[in-house]
């Protein structure tokens, strides 16, 4: 029995050692892959300059009636580019890349197209230039301290240039025929005679006793002959009571002068003959005289040659006023519009 018991015990031990165990799942080792190298940031593609359609071109393309306007005009963009725009074909052309005086922005006097020749006078900083748009040539005419005006004479034979401040100021003019420049050393309200042979200029002059207004100075009317600018003559002398200011021209040799008594507040107009210096009362009121006398200020007029349209600028927009319908159309972004001669 003992042998049987020992045999059974031995077999039990053997069987216990052969009992299968629950398998253990072992994952294979995972190798850590290195992080990808840092990449340079990719820049956004450079913007491509798309062709910009101007407001004028867009407006004319959408308004076929505007192509019936038989004129061109110039204007300045807000960046100072001088543009020429034509209604009939809806086209636009840059004439000058930069126009603008250093002291008086958005001024009608910053550029002016010659009434007959392919010339444009303009300001850039404190310098006056002349551009020939047929030859594509530019020349400097004048450099000063505070150049504020370029203005063609009625027939385009001369260019008047205003330079200086209220403290020190002078007028000069350029003669187109020979390219000569003359400095008159005086300044003020200036009107050309219709034949552009004379300039009537209101010149500030100190008087004694001094006036309590206008820094003590009065105004005299001085005549400058274009052919002899070095010999100005006083036509009407101001004094401590009167301001004598040119008001316009009645003819090539008759100028109308305003006599203003500053203390009484009265104003009377007189015609003065340049040859005889005869002085006669002028019966029209100052307001009527302003509309009837020859008062050439600029060769550029705001109304078109046929009288149907008017150009002006407002709040950074160029506006065409159709006078018959009283419609006002924004036609360009900019300022200082002028009809092309």
C-alpha atoms as a PDB file:
ATOM      1  CA  UNK A   1       0.000   0.000   0.000  1.00  0.00           C
ATOM      2  CA  UNK A   2       2.815   2.292   0.857  1.00  0.00           C
ATOM      3  CA  UNK A   3       4.311   1.733  -2.562  1.00  0.00           C
ATOM      4  CA  UNK A   4       0.962   2.512  -4.219  1.00  0.00           C
ATOM      5  CA  UNK A   5       0.565   5.712  -2.219  1.00  0.00           C
ATOM      6  CA  UNK A   6       4.039   6.889  -3.073  1.00  0.00           C
ATOM      7  CA  UNK A   7       3.407   6.166  -6.759  1.00  0.00           C
ATOM      8  CA  UNK A   8       0.146   8.193  -6.761  1.00  0.00           C
ATOM      9  CA  UNK A   9       1.823  11.094  -4.977  1.00  0.00           C
ATOM     10  CA  UNK A  10       4.626  11.161  -7.512  1.00  0.00           C
ATOM     11  CA  UNK A  11       2.216  11.167 -10.419  1.00  0.00           C
ATOM     12  CA  UNK A  12       0.286  14.062  -8.833  1.00  0.00           C
ATOM     13  CA  UNK A  13       3.420  16.149  -8.618  1.00  0.00           C
ATOM     14  CA  UNK A  14       4.212  15.428 -12.256  1.00  0.00           C
ATOM     15  CA  UNK A  15       0.683  16.329 -13.360  1.00  0.00           C
ATOM     16  CA  UNK A  16       0.746  19.596 -11.362  1.00  0.00           C
ATOM     17  CA  UNK A  17       3.958  20.625 -13.069  1.00  0.00           C
ATOM     18  CA  UNK A  18       2.386  20.065 -16.487  1.00  0.00           C
ATOM     19  CA  UNK A  19      -0.702  22.275 -15.894  1.00  0.00           C
ATOM     20  CA  UNK A  20      -0.702  24.984 -18.622  1.00  0.00           C
ATOM     21  CA  UNK A  21      -0.383  28.615 -17.426  1.00  0.00           C
ATOM     22  CA  UNK A  22      -2.395  31.583 -18.750  1.00  0.00           C
ATOM     23  CA  UNK A  23      -0.296  32.995 -21.568  1.00  0.00           C
ATOM     24  CA  UNK A  24       1.088  36.496 -21.078  1.00  0.00           C
ATOM     25  CA  UNK A  25       0.828  38.717 -24.108  1.00  0.00           C
ATOM     26  CA  UNK A  26       4.080  40.565 -24.629  1.00  0.00           C
ATOM     27  CA  UNK A  27       4.055  43.464 -27.127  1.00  0.00           C
ATOM     28  CA  UNK A  28       7.136  43.748 -29.242  1.00  0.00           C
ATOM     29  CA  UNK A  29       9.303  46.719 -28.311  1.00  0.00           C
ATOM     30  CA  UNK A  30       8.363  49.850 -30.186  1.00  0.00           C
ATOM     31  CA  UNK A  31      11.266  51.857 -31.436  1.00  0.00           C
ATOM     32  CA  UNK A  32      10.831  55.640 -30.915  1.00  0.00           C
ATOM     33  CA  UNK A  33      11.190  57.394 -34.261  1.00  0.00           C
ATOM     34  CA  UNK A  34      12.983  60.763 -34.122  1.00  0.00           C
ATOM     35  CA  UNK A  35      10.920  63.980 -34.464  1.00  0.00           C
ATOM     36  CA  UNK A  36      10.934  65.415 -37.968  1.00  0.00           C
ATOM     37  CA  UNK A  37      13.388  68.276 -38.426  1.00  0.00           C
ATOM     38  CA  UNK A  38      11.968  71.761 -37.951  1.00  0.00           C
ATOM     39  CA  UNK A  39      10.937  73.304 -41.259  1.00  0.00           C
ATOM     40  CA  UNK A  40      11.313  76.944 -42.302  1.00  0.00           C
ATOM     41  CA  UNK A  41       7.950  78.740 -42.238  1.00  0.00           C
ATOM     42  CA  UNK A  42       6.520  79.022 -45.716  1.00  0.00           C
ATOM     43  CA  UNK A  43       5.986  82.632 -46.652  1.00  0.00           C
ATOM     44  CA  UNK A  44       2.728  83.696 -48.219  1.00  0.00           C
ATOM     45  CA  UNK A  45       3.078  84.181 -51.942  1.00  0.00           C
ATOM     46  CA  UNK A  46       3.902  87.742 -52.879  1.00  0.00           C
ATOM     47  CA  UNK A  47       0.817  89.665 -53.906  1.00  0.00           C
ATOM     48  CA  UNK A  48       0.471  90.089 -57.622  1.00  0.00           C
ATOM     49  CA  UNK A  49      -0.267  93.619 -58.741  1.00  0.00           C
ATOM     50  CA  UNK A  50      -3.618  93.436 -60.392  1.00  0.00           C
ATOM     51  CA  UNK A  51      -4.305  96.123 -62.966  1.00  0.00           C
ATOM     52  CA  UNK A  52      -6.287  98.825 -61.201  1.00  0.00           C
ATOM     53  CA  UNK A  53      -9.253 100.252 -63.059  1.00  0.00           C
ATOM     54  CA  UNK A  54      -9.675 103.920 -62.245  1.00  0.00           C
ATOM     55  CA  UNK A  55     -12.940 105.371 -61.064  1.00  0.00           C
ATOM     56  CA  UNK A  56     -13.130 107.458 -64.231  1.00  0.00           C
ATOM     57  CA  UNK A  57     -12.782 104.443 -66.540  1.00  0.00           C
ATOM     58  CA  UNK A  58     -15.344 102.474 -64.516  1.00  0.00           C
ATOM     59  CA  UNK A  59     -17.802 105.364 -64.493  1.00  0.00           C
ATOM     60  CA  UNK A  60     -17.631 106.051 -68.227  1.00  0.00           C
ATOM     61  CA  UNK A  61     -17.893 102.320 -68.996  1.00  0.00           C
ATOM     62  CA  UNK A  62     -21.148 102.197 -67.043  1.00  0.00           C
ATOM     63  CA  UNK A  63     -22.548 105.463 -68.413  1.00  0.00           C
ATOM     64  CA  UNK A  64     -22.588 105.506 -72.208  1.00  0.00           C
ATOM     65  CA  UNK A  65     -24.151 108.982 -72.127  1.00  0.00           C
ATOM     66  CA  UNK A  66     -20.873 110.339 -70.746  1.00  0.00           C
ATOM     67  CA  UNK A  67     -19.135 109.411 -73.998  1.00  0.00           C
ATOM     68  CA  UNK A  68     -21.132 112.190 -75.619  1.00  0.00           C
ATOM     69  CA  UNK A  69     -19.136 114.761 -73.619  1.00  0.00           C
ATOM     70  CA  UNK A  70     -16.831 116.008 -76.362  1.00  0.00           C
ATOM     71  CA  UNK A  71     -14.003 117.136 -74.102  1.00  0.00           C
ATOM     72  CA  UNK A  72     -11.029 115.985 -72.069  1.00  0.00           C
ATOM     73  CA  UNK A  73      -9.924 117.247 -68.681  1.00  0.00           C
ATOM     74  CA  UNK A  74      -7.016 117.000 -66.277  1.00  0.00           C
ATOM     75  CA  UNK A  75      -7.011 116.381 -62.546  1.00  0.00           C
ATOM     76  CA  UNK A  76      -4.648 115.465 -59.713  1.00  0.00           C
ATOM     77  CA  UNK A  77      -4.892 112.138 -57.905  1.00  0.00           C
ATOM     78  CA  UNK A  78      -4.451 112.053 -54.141  1.00  0.00           C
ATOM     79  CA  UNK A  79      -0.871 110.857 -54.755  1.00  0.00           C
ATOM     80  CA  UNK A  80      -0.165 113.958 -56.871  1.00  0.00           C
ATOM     81  CA  UNK A  81      -0.221 112.332 -60.323  1.00  0.00           C
ATOM     82  CA  UNK A  82      -1.495 114.598 -63.089  1.00  0.00           C
ATOM     83  CA  UNK A  83      -3.975 112.659 -65.221  1.00  0.00           C
ATOM     84  CA  UNK A  84      -5.663 113.454 -68.522  1.00  0.00           C
ATOM     85  CA  UNK A  85      -9.086 111.849 -68.962  1.00  0.00           C
ATOM     86  CA  UNK A  86     -11.160 111.733 -72.176  1.00  0.00           C
ATOM     87  CA  UNK A  87     -14.886 111.083 -72.143  1.00  0.00           C
ATOM     88  CA  UNK A  88     -15.362 109.995 -75.770  1.00  0.00           C
ATOM     89  CA  UNK A  89     -13.253 106.837 -75.476  1.00  0.00           C
ATOM     90  CA  UNK A  90     -13.223 106.481 -71.691  1.00  0.00           C
ATOM     91  CA  UNK A  91      -9.423 106.602 -71.564  1.00  0.00           C
ATOM     92  CA  UNK A  92      -7.024 107.973 -68.986  1.00  0.00           C
ATOM     93  CA  UNK A  93      -3.357 108.916 -69.318  1.00  0.00           C
ATOM     94  CA  UNK A  94      -0.762 109.923 -66.727  1.00  0.00           C
ATOM     95  CA  UNK A  95       1.039 113.097 -67.787  1.00  0.00           C
ATOM     96  CA  UNK A  96       3.233 113.910 -64.758  1.00  0.00           C
ATOM     97  CA  UNK A  97       4.084 111.589 -61.875  1.00  0.00           C
ATOM     98  CA  UNK A  98       4.222 114.190 -59.098  1.00  0.00           C
ATOM     99  CA  UNK A  99       2.678 117.647 -58.800  1.00  0.00           C
ATOM    100  CA  UNK A 100       2.282 119.640 -55.611  1.00  0.00           C
ATOM    101  CA  UNK A 101       3.528 122.795 -53.975  1.00  0.00           C
ATOM    102  CA  UNK A 102       5.233 122.585 -50.609  1.00  0.00           C
ATOM    103  CA  UNK A 103       2.983 125.112 -48.903  1.00  0.00           C
ATOM    104  CA  UNK A 104      -0.441 125.244 -50.517  1.00  0.00           C
ATOM    105  CA  UNK A 105      -1.931 121.820 -51.167  1.00  0.00           C
ATOM    106  CA  UNK A 106      -5.038 121.329 -53.333  1.00  0.00           C
ATOM    107  CA  UNK A 107      -4.554 124.735 -54.948  1.00  0.00           C
ATOM    108  CA  UNK A 108      -5.833 125.636 -58.414  1.00  0.00           C
ATOM    109  CA  UNK A 109      -2.512 127.382 -58.981  1.00  0.00           C
ATOM    110  CA  UNK A 110      -0.344 124.253 -58.641  1.00  0.00           C
ATOM    111  CA  UNK A 111      -0.507 123.427 -62.343  1.00  0.00           C
ATOM    112  CA  UNK A 112      -1.864 124.924 -65.548  1.00  0.00           C
ATOM    113  CA  UNK A 113      -2.001 123.690 -69.142  1.00  0.00           C
ATOM    114  CA  UNK A 114      -0.952 126.153 -71.834  1.00  0.00           C
ATOM    115  CA  UNK A 115      -3.947 127.397 -73.861  1.00  0.00           C
ATOM    116  CA  UNK A 116      -2.339 126.571 -77.229  1.00  0.00           C
ATOM    117  CA  UNK A 117       1.105 124.974 -76.919  1.00  0.00           C
ATOM    118  CA  UNK A 118       1.978 121.455 -75.634  1.00  0.00           C
ATOM    119  CA  UNK A 119       3.204 122.865 -72.331  1.00  0.00           C
ATOM    120  CA  UNK A 120       2.188 122.303 -68.720  1.00  0.00           C
ATOM    121  CA  UNK A 121       3.513 124.523 -65.942  1.00  0.00           C
ATOM    122  CA  UNK A 122       3.451 122.968 -62.487  1.00  0.00           C
ATOM    123  CA  UNK A 123       4.846 123.147 -58.961  1.00  0.00           C
ATOM    124  CA  UNK A 124       6.779 120.489 -57.092  1.00  0.00           C
ATOM    125  CA  UNK A 125       7.928 121.603 -53.687  1.00  0.00           C
ATOM    126  CA  UNK A 126       9.369 125.106 -53.934  1.00  0.00           C
ATOM    127  CA  UNK A 127      10.196 124.822 -57.623  1.00  0.00           C
ATOM    128  CA  UNK A 128       8.314 125.662 -60.825  1.00  0.00           C
ATOM    129  CA  UNK A 129       8.702 123.349 -63.826  1.00  0.00           C
ATOM    130  CA  UNK A 130       7.682 123.365 -67.465  1.00  0.00           C
ATOM    131  CA  UNK A 131       6.756 120.056 -69.119  1.00  0.00           C
ATOM    132  CA  UNK A 132       6.488 119.590 -72.896  1.00  0.00           C
ATOM    133  CA  UNK A 133       4.182 116.593 -73.299  1.00  0.00           C
ATOM    134  CA  UNK A 134       4.877 116.201 -77.027  1.00  0.00           C
ATOM    135  CA  UNK A 135       8.644 115.978 -76.529  1.00  0.00           C
ATOM    136  CA  UNK A 136       8.333 114.391 -73.052  1.00  0.00           C
ATOM    137  CA  UNK A 137      10.849 116.898 -71.690  1.00  0.00           C
ATOM    138  CA  UNK A 138      10.828 118.766 -68.375  1.00  0.00           C
ATOM    139  CA  UNK A 139      12.802 121.861 -67.436  1.00  0.00           C
ATOM    140  CA  UNK A 140      13.121 123.718 -64.166  1.00  0.00           C
ATOM    141  CA  UNK A 141      12.056 127.350 -64.480  1.00  0.00           C
ATOM    142  CA  UNK A 142      12.299 128.804 -61.015  1.00  0.00           C
ATOM    143  CA  UNK A 143      13.256 127.837 -57.468  1.00  0.00           C
ATOM    144  CA  UNK A 144      12.304 129.968 -54.488  1.00  0.00           C
ATOM    145  CA  UNK A 145      11.411 129.994 -50.806  1.00  0.00           C
ATOM    146  CA  UNK A 146       7.652 129.457 -51.019  1.00  0.00           C
ATOM    147  CA  UNK A 147       6.515 129.198 -54.634  1.00  0.00           C
ATOM    148  CA  UNK A 148       2.718 129.112 -54.590  1.00  0.00           C
ATOM    149  CA  UNK A 149       1.424 129.873 -58.077  1.00  0.00           C
ATOM    150  CA  UNK A 150       1.959 129.286 -61.805  1.00  0.00           C
ATOM    151  CA  UNK A 151      -0.474 130.997 -64.155  1.00  0.00           C
ATOM    152  CA  UNK A 152      -0.468 131.522 -67.932  1.00  0.00           C
ATOM    153  CA  UNK A 153      -1.261 134.901 -69.453  1.00  0.00           C
ATOM    154  CA  UNK A 154      -4.447 135.170 -71.615  1.00  0.00           C
ATOM    155  CA  UNK A 155      -2.716 134.267 -74.892  1.00  0.00           C
ATOM    156  CA  UNK A 156      -0.032 132.085 -73.327  1.00  0.00           C
ATOM    157  CA  UNK A 157       2.923 134.316 -74.069  1.00  0.00           C
ATOM    158  CA  UNK A 158       3.959 134.544 -70.398  1.00  0.00           C
ATOM    159  CA  UNK A 159       3.885 132.463 -67.242  1.00  0.00           C
ATOM    160  CA  UNK A 160       3.378 134.343 -63.982  1.00  0.00           C
ATOM    161  CA  UNK A 161       5.078 132.821 -60.910  1.00  0.00           C
ATOM    162  CA  UNK A 162       4.302 133.893 -57.347  1.00  0.00           C
ATOM    163  CA  UNK A 163       6.955 133.285 -54.679  1.00  0.00           C
ATOM    164  CA  UNK A 164       7.254 134.185 -51.026  1.00  0.00           C
ATOM    165  CA  UNK A 165       5.197 134.650 -47.882  1.00  0.00           C
ATOM    166  CA  UNK A 166       3.075 137.477 -46.493  1.00  0.00           C
ATOM    167  CA  UNK A 167       6.265 138.978 -45.073  1.00  0.00           C
ATOM    168  CA  UNK A 168       8.419 138.898 -48.199  1.00  0.00           C
ATOM    169  CA  UNK A 169       6.897 138.209 -51.589  1.00  0.00           C
ATOM    170  CA  UNK A 170       7.638 138.774 -55.277  1.00  0.00           C
ATOM    171  CA  UNK A 171       6.268 138.049 -58.731  1.00  0.00           C
ATOM    172  CA  UNK A 172       8.302 136.790 -61.659  1.00  0.00           C
ATOM    173  CA  UNK A 173       7.282 135.858 -65.154  1.00  0.00           C
ATOM    174  CA  UNK A 174       8.697 133.625 -67.851  1.00  0.00           C
ATOM    175  CA  UNK A 175       8.527 134.681 -71.514  1.00  0.00           C
ATOM    176  CA  UNK A 176       7.791 131.726 -73.785  1.00  0.00           C
ATOM    177  CA  UNK A 177       9.148 133.259 -77.007  1.00  0.00           C
ATOM    178  CA  UNK A 178      12.779 133.437 -75.852  1.00  0.00           C
ATOM    179  CA  UNK A 179      12.802 131.538 -72.541  1.00  0.00           C
ATOM    180  CA  UNK A 180      13.771 134.602 -70.510  1.00  0.00           C
ATOM    181  CA  UNK A 181      12.788 135.073 -66.853  1.00  0.00           C
ATOM    182  CA  UNK A 182      12.035 138.430 -65.223  1.00  0.00           C
ATOM    183  CA  UNK A 183      11.699 139.178 -61.527  1.00  0.00           C
ATOM    184  CA  UNK A 184       9.536 142.191 -60.710  1.00  0.00           C
ATOM    185  CA  UNK A 185      10.285 142.260 -57.001  1.00  0.00           C
ATOM    186  CA  UNK A 186       6.665 143.165 -56.266  1.00  0.00           C
ATOM    187  CA  UNK A 187       3.525 141.161 -55.774  1.00  0.00           C
ATOM    188  CA  UNK A 188      -0.179 141.339 -55.145  1.00  0.00           C
ATOM    189  CA  UNK A 189      -3.458 140.840 -56.967  1.00  0.00           C
ATOM    190  CA  UNK A 190      -2.402 140.764 -60.628  1.00  0.00           C
ATOM    191  CA  UNK A 191      -4.536 140.993 -63.771  1.00  0.00           C
ATOM    192  CA  UNK A 192      -3.268 140.791 -67.351  1.00  0.00           C
ATOM    193  CA  UNK A 193      -4.620 143.142 -69.979  1.00  0.00           C
ATOM    194  CA  UNK A 194      -6.581 141.331 -72.750  1.00  0.00           C
ATOM    195  CA  UNK A 195      -3.630 141.638 -75.158  1.00  0.00           C
ATOM    196  CA  UNK A 196      -1.263 140.535 -72.332  1.00  0.00           C
ATOM    197  CA  UNK A 197       0.962 143.568 -72.843  1.00  0.00           C
ATOM    198  CA  UNK A 198       0.390 144.896 -69.322  1.00  0.00           C
ATOM    199  CA  UNK A 199      -0.006 143.631 -65.785  1.00  0.00           C
ATOM    200  CA  UNK A 200      -2.014 145.615 -63.249  1.00  0.00           C
ATOM    201  CA  UNK A 201      -0.783 144.656 -59.778  1.00  0.00           C
ATOM    202  CA  UNK A 202      -2.030 145.671 -56.338  1.00  0.00           C
ATOM    203  CA  UNK A 203       1.133 146.272 -54.332  1.00  0.00           C
ATOM    204  CA  UNK A 204       1.275 146.690 -50.560  1.00  0.00           C
ATOM    205  CA  UNK A 205       3.234 149.807 -49.569  1.00  0.00           C
ATOM    206  CA  UNK A 206       4.081 151.321 -46.190  1.00  0.00           C
ATOM    207  CA  UNK A 207       2.453 154.716 -45.602  1.00  0.00           C
ATOM    208  CA  UNK A 208       2.849 157.464 -43.055  1.00  0.00           C
ATOM    209  CA  UNK A 209       1.046 157.675 -40.786  1.00  0.00           C
ATOM    210  CA  UNK A 210       0.694 153.921 -40.750  1.00  0.00           C
ATOM    211  CA  UNK A 211      -2.708 152.293 -40.915  1.00  0.00           C
ATOM    212  CA  UNK A 212      -4.111 150.391 -37.947  1.00  0.00           C
ATOM    213  CA  UNK A 213      -4.912 147.492 -40.316  1.00  0.00           C
ATOM    214  CA  UNK A 214      -2.916 145.372 -42.778  1.00  0.00           C
ATOM    215  CA  UNK A 215       0.311 145.838 -40.795  1.00  0.00           C
ATOM    216  CA  UNK A 216       0.165 149.564 -41.398  1.00  0.00           C
ATOM    217  CA  UNK A 217       0.468 149.277 -45.196  1.00  0.00           C
ATOM    218  CA  UNK A 218      -1.841 150.561 -47.900  1.00  0.00           C
ATOM    219  CA  UNK A 219      -2.227 149.275 -51.485  1.00  0.00           C
ATOM    220  CA  UNK A 220      -1.298 151.001 -54.741  1.00  0.00           C
ATOM    221  CA  UNK A 221      -2.060 149.934 -58.310  1.00  0.00           C
ATOM    222  CA  UNK A 222       1.164 149.439 -60.273  1.00  0.00           C
ATOM    223  CA  UNK A 223       1.389 148.861 -64.029  1.00  0.00           C
ATOM    224  CA  UNK A 224       4.123 146.628 -65.451  1.00  0.00           C
ATOM    225  CA  UNK A 225       4.703 146.517 -69.193  1.00  0.00           C
ATOM    226  CA  UNK A 226       5.633 142.982 -70.258  1.00  0.00           C
ATOM    227  CA  UNK A 227       8.220 144.230 -72.730  1.00  0.00           C
ATOM    228  CA  UNK A 228       9.902 146.380 -70.049  1.00  0.00           C
ATOM    229  CA  UNK A 229       9.290 144.744 -66.646  1.00  0.00           C
ATOM    230  CA  UNK A 230      12.123 146.670 -64.981  1.00  0.00           C
ATOM    231  CA  UNK A 231      10.187 149.939 -65.187  1.00  0.00           C
ATOM    232  CA  UNK A 232       6.942 149.590 -63.202  1.00  0.00           C
ATOM    233  CA  UNK A 233       4.897 152.745 -62.667  1.00  0.00           C
ATOM    234  CA  UNK A 234       2.334 153.669 -60.053  1.00  0.00           C
ATOM    235  CA  UNK A 235      -1.061 154.349 -61.631  1.00  0.00           C
ATOM    236  CA  UNK A 236      -3.077 154.933 -58.430  1.00  0.00           C
ATOM    237  CA  UNK A 237      -1.307 155.745 -55.177  1.00  0.00           C
ATOM    238  CA  UNK A 238      -2.689 154.438 -51.893  1.00  0.00           C
ATOM    239  CA  UNK A 239      -2.317 156.447 -48.707  1.00  0.00           C
ATOM    240  CA  UNK A 240      -3.268 156.370 -45.021  1.00  0.00           C
ATOM    241  CA  UNK A 241      -6.959 156.574 -45.973  1.00  0.00           C
ATOM    242  CA  UNK A 242      -7.313 154.803 -49.330  1.00  0.00           C
ATOM    243  CA  UNK A 243      -6.554 151.365 -50.740  1.00  0.00           C
ATOM    244  CA  UNK A 244      -6.181 151.485 -54.527  1.00  0.00           C
ATOM    245  CA  UNK A 245      -6.557 147.956 -55.915  1.00  0.00           C
ATOM    246  CA  UNK A 246      -6.881 146.855 -59.576  1.00  0.00           C
ATOM    247  CA  UNK A 247     -10.375 145.492 -60.319  1.00  0.00           C
ATOM    248  CA  UNK A 248     -10.026 144.446 -63.968  1.00  0.00           C
ATOM    249  CA  UNK A 249      -9.595 145.740 -67.515  1.00  0.00           C
ATOM    250  CA  UNK A 250     -12.134 147.658 -69.616  1.00  0.00           C
ATOM    251  CA  UNK A 251      -9.888 147.541 -72.696  1.00  0.00           C
ATOM    252  CA  UNK A 252      -6.231 146.963 -73.548  1.00  0.00           C
ATOM    253  CA  UNK A 253      -5.346 150.426 -72.226  1.00  0.00           C
ATOM    254  CA  UNK A 254      -8.061 151.114 -69.633  1.00  0.00           C
ATOM    255  CA  UNK A 255      -7.880 149.566 -66.201  1.00  0.00           C
ATOM    256  CA  UNK A 256     -10.569 149.796 -63.524  1.00  0.00           C
ATOM    257  CA  UNK A 257      -9.292 150.559 -60.024  1.00  0.00           C
ATOM    258  CA  UNK A 258     -11.110 150.207 -56.708  1.00  0.00           C
ATOM    259  CA  UNK A 259     -10.698 153.126 -54.293  1.00  0.00           C
ATOM    260  CA  UNK A 260     -11.651 151.846 -50.848  1.00  0.00           C
ATOM    261  CA  UNK A 261     -11.799 154.225 -47.902  1.00  0.00           C
ATOM    262  CA  UNK A 262     -11.064 151.882 -45.041  1.00  0.00           C
ATOM    263  CA  UNK A 263     -12.344 154.118 -42.229  1.00  0.00           C
ATOM    264  CA  UNK A 264     -15.631 155.086 -43.921  1.00  0.00           C
ATOM    265  CA  UNK A 265     -16.089 151.635 -45.442  1.00  0.00           C
ATOM    266  CA  UNK A 266     -16.933 153.080 -48.871  1.00  0.00           C
ATOM    267  CA  UNK A 267     -15.774 151.740 -52.235  1.00  0.00           C
ATOM    268  CA  UNK A 268     -15.793 153.585 -55.581  1.00  0.00           C
ATOM    269  CA  UNK A 269     -14.552 152.312 -58.944  1.00  0.00           C
ATOM    270  CA  UNK A 270     -12.705 154.460 -61.497  1.00  0.00           C
ATOM    271  CA  UNK A 271     -11.396 153.832 -65.007  1.00  0.00           C
ATOM    272  CA  UNK A 272      -7.862 155.086 -65.620  1.00  0.00           C
ATOM    273  CA  UNK A 273      -6.392 155.410 -69.100  1.00  0.00           C
ATOM    274  CA  UNK A 274      -2.799 154.165 -69.288  1.00  0.00           C
ATOM    275  CA  UNK A 275      -1.837 156.700 -71.940  1.00  0.00           C
ATOM    276  CA  UNK A 276      -3.471 159.894 -70.655  1.00  0.00           C
ATOM    277  CA  UNK A 277      -3.916 158.749 -67.017  1.00  0.00           C
ATOM    278  CA  UNK A 278      -7.385 160.305 -67.204  1.00  0.00           C
ATOM    279  CA  UNK A 279      -9.580 159.101 -64.339  1.00  0.00           C
ATOM    280  CA  UNK A 280     -13.356 158.701 -64.641  1.00  0.00           C
ATOM    281  CA  UNK A 281     -16.017 157.126 -62.395  1.00  0.00           C
ATOM    282  CA  UNK A 282     -17.104 153.638 -63.392  1.00  0.00           C
ATOM    283  CA  UNK A 283     -20.839 153.336 -62.836  1.00  0.00           C
ATOM    284  CA  UNK A 284     -21.193 149.580 -62.358  1.00  0.00           C
ATOM    285  CA  UNK A 285     -21.178 148.147 -58.852  1.00  0.00           C
ATOM    286  CA  UNK A 286     -18.121 146.143 -57.731  1.00  0.00           C
ATOM    287  CA  UNK A 287     -20.174 142.938 -58.058  1.00  0.00           C
ATOM    288  CA  UNK A 288     -21.321 143.789 -61.602  1.00  0.00           C
ATOM    289  CA  UNK A 289     -17.823 144.871 -62.546  1.00  0.00           C
ATOM    290  CA  UNK A 290     -16.419 141.559 -61.356  1.00  0.00           C
ATOM    291  CA  UNK A 291     -18.652 139.771 -63.879  1.00  0.00           C
ATOM    292  CA  UNK A 292     -18.204 142.128 -66.833  1.00  0.00           C
ATOM    293  CA  UNK A 293     -14.588 143.313 -66.724  1.00  0.00           C
ATOM    294  CA  UNK A 294     -11.683 141.337 -68.141  1.00  0.00           C
ATOM    295  CA  UNK A 295     -10.208 139.718 -65.044  1.00  0.00           C
ATOM    296  CA  UNK A 296      -7.936 136.985 -66.336  1.00  0.00           C
ATOM    297  CA  UNK A 297      -7.049 134.774 -63.417  1.00  0.00           C
ATOM    298  CA  UNK A 298      -6.438 131.432 -65.112  1.00  0.00           C
ATOM    299  CA  UNK A 299      -6.474 130.026 -68.638  1.00  0.00           C
ATOM    300  CA  UNK A 300      -8.444 127.086 -67.222  1.00  0.00           C
ATOM    301  CA  UNK A 301     -12.171 127.741 -66.942  1.00  0.00           C
ATOM    302  CA  UNK A 302     -14.536 125.603 -64.830  1.00  0.00           C
ATOM    303  CA  UNK A 303     -17.256 125.532 -67.525  1.00  0.00           C
ATOM    304  CA  UNK A 304     -16.815 123.554 -70.761  1.00  0.00           C
ATOM    305  CA  UNK A 305     -16.526 125.397 -74.067  1.00  0.00           C
ATOM    306  CA  UNK A 306     -20.141 124.562 -75.018  1.00  0.00           C
ATOM    307  CA  UNK A 307     -21.426 125.707 -71.633  1.00  0.00           C
ATOM    308  CA  UNK A 308     -23.109 122.372 -70.872  1.00  0.00           C
ATOM    309  CA  UNK A 309     -20.826 121.044 -68.142  1.00  0.00           C
ATOM    310  CA  UNK A 310     -18.957 122.254 -65.102  1.00  0.00           C
ATOM    311  CA  UNK A 311     -16.080 120.569 -63.279  1.00  0.00           C
ATOM    312  CA  UNK A 312     -15.325 120.913 -59.594  1.00  0.00           C
ATOM    313  CA  UNK A 313     -13.956 118.829 -56.708  1.00  0.00           C
ATOM    314  CA  UNK A 314     -15.479 118.130 -53.325  1.00  0.00           C
ATOM    315  CA  UNK A 315     -14.354 115.880 -50.471  1.00  0.00           C
ATOM    316  CA  UNK A 316     -11.641 114.246 -52.562  1.00  0.00           C
ATOM    317  CA  UNK A 317     -13.886 113.537 -55.556  1.00  0.00           C
ATOM    318  CA  UNK A 318     -13.989 115.133 -59.013  1.00  0.00           C
ATOM    319  CA  UNK A 319     -17.568 115.955 -59.966  1.00  0.00           C
ATOM    320  CA  UNK A 320     -19.144 116.650 -63.356  1.00  0.00           C
ATOM    321  CA  UNK A 321     -22.182 118.898 -63.180  1.00  0.00           C
ATOM    322  CA  UNK A 322     -24.539 118.435 -66.127  1.00  0.00           C
ATOM    323  CA  UNK A 323     -26.142 121.844 -66.185  1.00  0.00           C
ATOM    324  CA  UNK A 324     -29.270 121.014 -68.231  1.00  0.00           C
ATOM    325  CA  UNK A 325     -30.380 118.172 -65.963  1.00  0.00           C
ATOM    326  CA  UNK A 326     -28.693 119.512 -62.809  1.00  0.00           C
ATOM    327  CA  UNK A 327     -27.160 116.043 -62.333  1.00  0.00           C
ATOM    328  CA  UNK A 328     -23.878 115.814 -60.480  1.00  0.00           C
ATOM    329  CA  UNK A 329     -21.767 112.757 -61.264  1.00  0.00           C
ATOM    330  CA  UNK A 330     -18.672 111.635 -59.358  1.00  0.00           C
ATOM    331  CA  UNK A 331     -16.214 110.819 -62.145  1.00  0.00           C
ATOM    332  CA  UNK A 332     -12.776 110.523 -60.513  1.00  0.00           C
ATOM    333  CA  UNK A 333     -10.964 110.275 -57.193  1.00  0.00           C
ATOM    334  CA  UNK A 334      -8.820 113.373 -56.803  1.00  0.00           C
ATOM    335  CA  UNK A 335      -8.977 117.153 -57.002  1.00  0.00           C
ATOM    336  CA  UNK A 336      -8.152 120.271 -59.062  1.00  0.00           C
ATOM    337  CA  UNK A 337      -9.950 119.342 -62.309  1.00  0.00           C
ATOM    338  CA  UNK A 338      -9.466 121.578 -65.353  1.00  0.00           C
ATOM    339  CA  UNK A 339     -10.804 121.320 -68.888  1.00  0.00           C
ATOM    340  CA  UNK A 340      -8.196 120.462 -71.499  1.00  0.00           C
ATOM    341  CA  UNK A 341      -7.668 123.439 -73.866  1.00  0.00           C
END
